[in-house]
């Protein structure tokens, strides 16, 4: 993803500086990734299984799951997004506040992963109580929401597909792509949990009230529709002039 905002050139790939706290989180995730394949029990005790959390007393799992990953690609994607968007938040907020926010989003998402399957047992049965969940995605989605609410008018350019949109639409766009192309192994509860926890955290601090309200989203949607109509009118005018030149 490309971000256009406060960089001197107006467009850039990645943050200008990687803060130490981001480097430390990246290193911690890499160390745990190696440990989960070399130390017996790291995966079994660290991954979230709702039945183990609430019936077995494994209350640490909503914290430990966010440091484990299912594979190298899973780790690389989460860490890339953390570096891309989290670095700028960490530079703005400072290391202590960013780490607190990151952990709260991750643990909050973990608690939802451990709890929601119990609420859905009447619909999906008890199989979800024993399925393990790992990954930093809950914390990452919280960071993405923090980024999109801090710089809502920055332009984000996806590499694939090559689509540009404002940062305020980053979370809806990612949810759409995850549902459409993510496959069956994606924890939508974890992603949504990270966003919900981040929103409540930022709303309490006064940073999410006006930017993520229903009225604000309606206003941005009306602006988007007006821009689309303006583009259509310009295209018709351009086509009419082209046709006139062709006839003459």
Protein backbone atom coordinates (compact mmCIF):
# COMPACT_ATOMS: atom_id res chain seq x y z
CA UNK A 1 0.00 0.00 0.00
CA UNK A 2 1.10 3.51 -0.72
CA UNK A 3 0.20 6.43 1.48
CA UNK A 4 0.00 10.06 0.47
CA UNK A 5 -0.04 12.61 3.25
CA UNK A 6 2.63 14.59 5.03
CA UNK A 7 5.64 13.27 3.12
CA UNK A 8 7.56 16.10 1.45
CA UNK A 9 7.09 14.67 -2.02
CA UNK A 10 3.36 14.09 -1.49
CA UNK A 11 3.59 10.38 -2.19
CA UNK A 12 5.67 7.61 -0.70
CA UNK A 13 6.00 3.96 0.13
CA UNK A 14 6.17 3.20 3.83
CA UNK A 15 7.05 5.44 6.76
CA UNK A 16 10.03 7.82 6.68
CA UNK A 17 11.30 6.41 10.01
CA UNK A 18 10.76 3.12 11.81
CA UNK A 19 10.40 3.89 15.55
CA UNK A 20 12.20 1.63 18.06
CA UNK A 21 8.91 0.33 19.50
CA UNK A 22 7.89 -0.97 16.06
CA UNK A 23 11.27 -2.66 15.64
CA UNK A 24 10.89 -4.27 19.07
CA UNK A 25 7.44 -5.64 18.25
CA UNK A 26 8.72 -6.99 14.92
CA UNK A 27 11.66 -8.70 16.64
CA UNK A 28 9.42 -10.14 19.38
CA UNK A 29 7.09 -11.65 16.79
CA UNK A 30 10.03 -13.11 14.88
CA UNK A 31 11.48 -14.69 18.03
CA UNK A 32 8.14 -16.24 19.00
CA UNK A 33 7.66 -17.48 15.43
CA UNK A 34 10.93 -19.42 15.68
CA UNK A 35 10.08 -20.61 19.19
CA UNK A 36 6.72 -22.03 18.18
CA UNK A 37 8.45 -24.42 15.77
CA UNK A 38 11.36 -25.32 18.03
CA UNK A 39 9.94 -25.42 21.57
CA UNK A 40 7.25 -28.02 22.30
CA UNK A 41 4.05 -26.66 23.77
CA UNK A 42 4.37 -23.04 22.63
CA UNK A 43 1.61 -23.45 20.03
CA UNK A 44 -0.62 -25.71 22.16
CA UNK A 45 -0.50 -23.43 25.19
CA UNK A 46 -0.37 -20.11 23.34
CA UNK A 47 -3.08 -20.36 20.66
CA UNK A 48 -6.61 -19.37 21.66
CA UNK A 49 -9.09 -22.20 22.08
CA UNK A 50 -12.28 -20.84 23.67
CA UNK A 51 -12.92 -24.07 25.57
CA UNK A 52 -9.46 -23.94 27.12
CA UNK A 53 -9.78 -20.26 28.03
CA UNK A 54 -13.10 -20.42 29.85
CA UNK A 55 -13.29 -24.08 30.84
CA UNK A 56 -9.63 -25.01 31.22
CA UNK A 57 -8.41 -21.83 32.89
CA UNK A 58 -5.94 -20.90 30.13
CA UNK A 59 -6.62 -17.22 30.73
CA UNK A 60 -3.30 -16.12 29.22
CA UNK A 61 -4.28 -17.20 25.71
CA UNK A 62 -6.05 -13.91 24.76
CA UNK A 63 -2.59 -12.36 25.18
CA UNK A 64 -0.26 -15.06 23.86
CA UNK A 65 -2.19 -15.83 20.66
CA UNK A 66 -1.29 -12.46 19.15
CA UNK A 67 2.43 -13.35 19.10
CA UNK A 68 1.94 -16.65 17.23
CA UNK A 69 1.39 -17.03 13.49
CA UNK A 70 0.23 -19.85 11.24
CA UNK A 71 3.05 -19.50 8.74
CA UNK A 72 5.72 -17.23 7.31
CA UNK A 73 3.28 -15.52 4.94
CA UNK A 74 0.87 -14.82 7.80
CA UNK A 75 3.67 -13.32 9.88
CA UNK A 76 5.10 -11.30 7.00
CA UNK A 77 1.75 -9.75 6.06
CA UNK A 78 0.88 -8.71 9.61
CA UNK A 79 4.34 -7.29 10.28
CA UNK A 80 4.38 -5.45 6.97
CA UNK A 81 1.09 -3.72 7.78
CA UNK A 82 2.30 -2.94 11.29
CA UNK A 83 5.46 -1.35 9.89
CA UNK A 84 3.57 0.50 7.16
CA UNK A 85 0.85 2.08 9.29
CA UNK A 86 1.92 1.58 12.88
CA UNK A 87 5.21 3.43 12.48
CA UNK A 88 3.50 6.73 11.81
CA UNK A 89 1.13 6.31 14.75
CA UNK A 90 4.05 5.44 17.04
CA UNK A 91 5.94 8.53 15.89
CA UNK A 92 2.91 10.69 16.67
CA UNK A 93 1.81 9.05 19.93
CA UNK A 94 5.08 7.93 21.43
CA UNK A 95 6.22 4.41 22.31
CA UNK A 96 4.33 3.96 25.59
CA UNK A 97 0.95 5.04 24.29
CA UNK A 98 1.31 3.08 21.06
CA UNK A 99 2.30 -0.13 22.86
CA UNK A 100 -0.60 0.23 25.29
CA UNK A 101 -3.02 0.73 22.39
CA UNK A 102 -1.56 -2.22 20.44
CA UNK A 103 -1.83 -4.58 23.40
CA UNK A 104 -5.33 -3.46 24.38
CA UNK A 105 -6.58 -4.01 20.83
CA UNK A 106 -4.92 -7.42 20.59
CA UNK A 107 -6.10 -8.67 23.99
CA UNK A 108 -9.58 -7.22 23.48
CA UNK A 109 -9.86 -9.04 20.14
CA UNK A 110 -8.59 -12.20 21.86
CA UNK A 111 -11.32 -11.99 24.49
CA UNK A 112 -13.92 -11.69 21.73
CA UNK A 113 -12.43 -14.68 19.90
CA UNK A 114 -12.70 -16.69 23.12
CA UNK A 115 -16.23 -15.52 23.95
CA UNK A 116 -18.24 -15.11 20.74
CA UNK A 117 -18.24 -18.87 19.85
CA UNK A 118 -20.14 -19.51 23.10
CA UNK A 119 -22.75 -16.97 22.04
CA UNK A 120 -23.08 -18.63 18.63
CA UNK A 121 -23.26 -22.23 19.82
CA UNK A 122 -26.94 -22.40 18.95
CA UNK A 123 -26.09 -21.49 15.36
CA UNK A 124 -22.75 -23.13 14.56
CA UNK A 125 -22.53 -25.75 17.30
CA UNK A 126 -19.67 -26.43 19.69
CA UNK A 127 -16.95 -27.06 17.07
CA UNK A 128 -15.74 -23.46 17.30
CA UNK A 129 -14.82 -23.95 20.94
CA UNK A 130 -11.78 -26.08 20.13
CA UNK A 131 -10.49 -24.43 16.94
CA UNK A 132 -7.17 -22.63 17.60
CA UNK A 133 -6.74 -19.00 16.58
CA UNK A 134 -3.40 -17.20 16.27
CA UNK A 135 -2.08 -13.98 14.80
CA UNK A 136 -1.66 -10.27 15.47
CA UNK A 137 -4.50 -9.29 13.15
CA UNK A 138 -6.76 -8.03 15.95
CA UNK A 139 -4.08 -5.61 17.11
CA UNK A 140 -3.20 -4.75 13.51
CA UNK A 141 -6.80 -3.87 12.64
CA UNK A 142 -6.88 -1.65 15.71
CA UNK A 143 -3.77 0.12 14.44
CA UNK A 144 -5.36 0.53 11.01
CA UNK A 145 -8.42 2.14 12.56
CA UNK A 146 -6.19 4.45 14.58
CA UNK A 147 -4.36 5.43 11.40
CA UNK A 148 -7.55 6.01 9.40
CA UNK A 149 -9.07 8.20 12.13
CA UNK A 150 -5.87 10.18 12.65
CA UNK A 151 -5.35 10.92 8.94
CA UNK A 152 -8.79 10.32 7.39
CA UNK A 153 -8.08 12.31 4.21
CA UNK A 154 -4.81 10.67 3.28
CA UNK A 155 -4.96 8.77 0.02
CA UNK A 156 -4.18 5.04 0.22
CA UNK A 157 -3.14 3.25 -2.95
CA UNK A 158 -3.36 -0.53 -2.91
CA UNK A 159 -0.75 -2.38 -4.91
CA UNK A 160 -3.20 -5.18 -5.69
CA UNK A 161 -5.80 -4.38 -6.77
CA UNK A 162 -4.52 -0.94 -7.89
CA UNK A 163 -7.29 1.08 -6.23
CA UNK A 164 -6.97 4.45 -4.52
CA UNK A 165 -9.24 5.66 -1.73
CA UNK A 166 -9.14 7.88 1.34
CA UNK A 167 -7.84 6.41 4.57
CA UNK A 168 -11.22 6.72 6.29
CA UNK A 169 -12.44 3.89 4.04
CA UNK A 170 -9.47 1.64 4.79
CA UNK A 171 -11.25 -0.62 7.30
CA UNK A 172 -14.42 -1.13 5.19
CA UNK A 173 -12.25 -1.88 2.15
CA UNK A 174 -10.18 -4.46 4.04
CA UNK A 175 -13.27 -6.12 5.49
CA UNK A 176 -14.75 -6.39 2.00
CA UNK A 177 -11.58 -7.90 0.55
CA UNK A 178 -11.16 -10.26 3.50
CA UNK A 179 -14.71 -11.57 3.19
CA UNK A 180 -14.50 -11.80 -0.60
CA UNK A 181 -11.00 -13.25 -0.97
CA UNK A 182 -9.78 -14.23 2.51
CA UNK A 183 -10.85 -17.86 2.51
CA UNK A 184 -12.19 -19.91 5.40
CA UNK A 185 -9.23 -19.65 7.79
CA UNK A 186 -9.62 -15.94 8.53
CA UNK A 187 -10.80 -14.90 12.00
CA UNK A 188 -13.38 -12.26 11.15
CA UNK A 189 -14.27 -12.10 14.85
CA UNK A 190 -10.67 -11.20 15.65
CA UNK A 191 -10.54 -8.49 12.98
CA UNK A 192 -13.86 -7.01 14.06
CA UNK A 193 -12.84 -7.29 17.71
CA UNK A 194 -9.69 -5.26 17.14
CA UNK A 195 -11.67 -2.55 15.35
CA UNK A 196 -14.38 -2.39 18.04
CA UNK A 197 -11.88 -2.20 20.89
CA UNK A 198 -9.83 0.44 19.07
CA UNK A 199 -12.93 2.52 18.37
CA UNK A 200 -14.04 2.49 22.01
CA UNK A 201 -10.48 3.32 23.13
CA UNK A 202 -10.20 6.25 20.74
CA UNK A 203 -13.73 7.43 21.39
CA UNK A 204 -13.01 7.57 25.11
CA UNK A 205 -9.98 9.72 24.40
CA UNK A 206 -12.07 11.96 22.14
CA UNK A 207 -10.38 10.96 18.89
CA UNK A 208 -13.13 8.92 17.25
CA UNK A 209 -16.32 10.79 18.02
CA UNK A 210 -16.68 13.09 15.04
CA UNK A 211 -14.68 11.11 12.54
CA UNK A 212 -16.41 7.75 12.72
CA UNK A 213 -20.00 8.70 13.47
CA UNK A 214 -22.91 7.70 11.24
CA UNK A 215 -23.50 11.34 10.32
CA UNK A 216 -19.88 11.76 9.29
CA UNK A 217 -19.97 8.63 7.15
CA UNK A 218 -23.18 9.81 5.46
CA UNK A 219 -21.54 13.17 4.78
CA UNK A 220 -18.50 11.49 3.21
CA UNK A 221 -20.75 9.22 1.15
CA UNK A 222 -22.65 12.24 -0.20
CA UNK A 223 -19.33 13.92 -1.06
CA UNK A 224 -18.21 10.77 -2.83
CA UNK A 225 -21.44 10.61 -4.85
CA UNK A 226 -21.11 14.29 -5.80
CA UNK A 227 -17.53 13.71 -7.00
CA UNK A 228 -18.68 10.74 -9.05
CA UNK A 229 -21.42 12.81 -10.70
CA UNK A 230 -18.95 15.62 -11.39
CA UNK A 231 -16.56 13.16 -13.04
CA UNK A 232 -19.41 11.80 -15.16
CA UNK A 233 -20.37 15.32 -16.29
CA UNK A 234 -16.75 16.12 -17.17
CA UNK A 235 -16.45 12.86 -19.09
CA UNK A 236 -19.62 13.62 -21.07
CA UNK A 237 -18.37 17.13 -21.83
CA UNK A 238 -15.01 15.77 -22.96
CA UNK A 239 -16.72 13.16 -25.13
CA UNK A 240 -19.01 15.80 -26.68
CA UNK A 241 -16.05 18.01 -27.58
CA UNK A 242 -14.24 15.03 -29.04
CA UNK A 243 -17.27 14.14 -31.15
CA UNK A 244 -17.60 17.74 -32.36
CA UNK A 245 -13.94 17.76 -33.46
CA UNK A 246 -14.40 14.46 -35.22
CA UNK A 247 -17.44 15.70 -37.15
CA UNK A 248 -15.66 18.88 -38.26
